[in-house]
Structure formats: structure tokens, C-alpha cells
């Protein structure tokens, strides 16, 4: 009877975690869950990269007055 059921393929979901530090201030944000390709595209955008970052991070990027760290959580 399993053949009568509808089967869907779903991309793995990820949450994008962003931490930005400027001086003594720290801000954090979680976005998602998103399909993994969208999460990687958002991470690349936040890191000012043209290619999707490898693995799950964390990755660092310099921002005015501080640093931005981006990672994927499954």
C-alpha cells in the first residue's frame, strides 16, 4: 500500500545564524529554517561572496567597525 502514498523530496533545512560584533556591541539573528540552497545563498550574500561558502561555518567577514560571523545550523 505504500505505493499509493504521495512521496515528496524535500531539501534539508538550515537556520542561518548571524553574529555581528562592533566594539562592545554584539547583535545576533537567526533566519530560517530555509532550504539548504537558500541558506547558503543568504550566507554568501551576508559574507559578500560570489560563491556559496563550504561546510557549515562559522565564516567571518569584516564589516565597518567590527566583524560578522555567519554559520548554518541543521
C-alpha atoms as a PDB file:
ATOM      1  CA  UNK A   1       0.000   0.000   0.000  1.00  0.00           C
ATOM      2  CA  UNK A   2       2.990   2.312   0.329  1.00  0.00           C
ATOM      3  CA  UNK A   3       2.932   2.747  -3.462  1.00  0.00           C
ATOM      4  CA  UNK A   4      -0.360   4.645  -3.181  1.00  0.00           C
ATOM      5  CA  UNK A   5       1.134   7.354  -0.963  1.00  0.00           C
ATOM      6  CA  UNK A   6       2.440  10.635  -2.253  1.00  0.00           C
ATOM      7  CA  UNK A   7       6.213  10.975  -1.788  1.00  0.00           C
ATOM      8  CA  UNK A   8       7.959  14.337  -1.828  1.00  0.00           C
ATOM      9  CA  UNK A   9      11.657  15.071  -1.894  1.00  0.00           C
ATOM     10  CA  UNK A  10      12.480  17.909   0.488  1.00  0.00           C
ATOM     11  CA  UNK A  11      15.766  19.788   0.712  1.00  0.00           C
ATOM     12  CA  UNK A  12      17.421  19.633   4.125  1.00  0.00           C
ATOM     13  CA  UNK A  13      16.507  22.680   6.205  1.00  0.00           C
ATOM     14  CA  UNK A  14      19.058  25.003   7.802  1.00  0.00           C
ATOM     15  CA  UNK A  15      18.939  28.033  10.038  1.00  0.00           C
ATOM     16  CA  UNK A  16      21.355  30.849   9.214  1.00  0.00           C
ATOM     17  CA  UNK A  17      22.924  32.297  12.369  1.00  0.00           C
ATOM     18  CA  UNK A  18      24.460  35.757  12.117  1.00  0.00           C
ATOM     19  CA  UNK A  19      26.511  37.385  14.890  1.00  0.00           C
ATOM     20  CA  UNK A  20      27.862  40.879  14.349  1.00  0.00           C
ATOM     21  CA  UNK A  21      30.335  42.494  16.750  1.00  0.00           C
ATOM     22  CA  UNK A  22      31.190  46.189  16.640  1.00  0.00           C
ATOM     23  CA  UNK A  23      33.264  47.407  19.556  1.00  0.00           C
ATOM     24  CA  UNK A  24      31.498  46.322  22.742  1.00  0.00           C
ATOM     25  CA  UNK A  25      28.162  45.719  20.953  1.00  0.00           C
ATOM     26  CA  UNK A  26      27.081  42.294  19.780  1.00  0.00           C
ATOM     27  CA  UNK A  27      23.935  41.518  17.823  1.00  0.00           C
ATOM     28  CA  UNK A  28      22.701  38.100  16.800  1.00  0.00           C
ATOM     29  CA  UNK A  29      19.981  36.951  14.453  1.00  0.00           C
ATOM     30  CA  UNK A  30      18.649  33.577  13.339  1.00  0.00           C
ATOM     31  CA  UNK A  31      16.919  33.266   9.957  1.00  0.00           C
ATOM     32  CA  UNK A  32      15.006  30.186   8.926  1.00  0.00           C
ATOM     33  CA  UNK A  33      14.529  27.366   8.643  1.00  0.00           C
ATOM     34  CA  UNK A  34      15.319  27.662   4.949  1.00  0.00           C
ATOM     35  CA  UNK A  35      16.059  25.050   2.302  1.00  0.00           C
ATOM     36  CA  UNK A  36      19.824  24.472   2.319  1.00  0.00           C
ATOM     37  CA  UNK A  37      20.483  26.089  -1.114  1.00  0.00           C
ATOM     38  CA  UNK A  38      18.668  29.267   0.022  1.00  0.00           C
ATOM     39  CA  UNK A  39      20.512  29.274   3.352  1.00  0.00           C
ATOM     40  CA  UNK A  40      23.869  29.000   1.550  1.00  0.00           C
ATOM     41  CA  UNK A  41      22.903  31.792  -0.858  1.00  0.00           C
ATOM     42  CA  UNK A  42      21.969  34.047   2.071  1.00  0.00           C
ATOM     43  CA  UNK A  43      25.263  33.221   3.820  1.00  0.00           C
ATOM     44  CA  UNK A  44      27.191  34.100   0.649  1.00  0.00           C
ATOM     45  CA  UNK A  45      25.306  37.404   0.384  1.00  0.00           C
ATOM     46  CA  UNK A  46      25.990  38.298   4.028  1.00  0.00           C
ATOM     47  CA  UNK A  47      29.683  37.477   3.560  1.00  0.00           C
ATOM     48  CA  UNK A  48      29.907  39.480   0.308  1.00  0.00           C
ATOM     49  CA  UNK A  49      30.957  36.380  -1.638  1.00  0.00           C
ATOM     50  CA  UNK A  50      30.036  35.290  -5.129  1.00  0.00           C
ATOM     51  CA  UNK A  51      30.279  31.569  -4.341  1.00  0.00           C
ATOM     52  CA  UNK A  52      28.466  29.572  -1.674  1.00  0.00           C
ATOM     53  CA  UNK A  53      30.681  29.022   1.362  1.00  0.00           C
ATOM     54  CA  UNK A  54      31.863  25.447   2.040  1.00  0.00           C
ATOM     55  CA  UNK A  55      30.825  23.311   5.017  1.00  0.00           C
ATOM     56  CA  UNK A  56      28.650  24.879   7.731  1.00  0.00           C
ATOM     57  CA  UNK A  57      30.949  27.619   9.029  1.00  0.00           C
ATOM     58  CA  UNK A  58      31.392  29.667  11.010  1.00  0.00           C
ATOM     59  CA  UNK A  59      32.701  32.125   8.445  1.00  0.00           C
ATOM     60  CA  UNK A  60      33.961  35.634   9.158  1.00  0.00           C
ATOM     61  CA  UNK A  61      33.732  38.854   7.205  1.00  0.00           C
ATOM     62  CA  UNK A  62      34.995  42.300   8.110  1.00  0.00           C
ATOM     63  CA  UNK A  63      32.330  44.988   8.459  1.00  0.00           C
ATOM     64  CA  UNK A  64      32.744  48.671   9.279  1.00  0.00           C
ATOM     65  CA  UNK A  65      33.977  48.789  12.849  1.00  0.00           C
ATOM     66  CA  UNK A  66      33.825  45.077  13.519  1.00  0.00           C
ATOM     67  CA  UNK A  67      33.268  41.550  12.289  1.00  0.00           C
ATOM     68  CA  UNK A  68      30.308  39.474  11.087  1.00  0.00           C
ATOM     69  CA  UNK A  69      30.201  35.726  11.705  1.00  0.00           C
ATOM     70  CA  UNK A  70      27.789  33.542   9.778  1.00  0.00           C
ATOM     71  CA  UNK A  71      27.077  29.835  10.247  1.00  0.00           C
ATOM     72  CA  UNK A  72      24.488  27.228   9.299  1.00  0.00           C
ATOM     73  CA  UNK A  73      22.650  25.176  11.907  1.00  0.00           C
ATOM     74  CA  UNK A  74      20.904  21.994  10.867  1.00  0.00           C
END
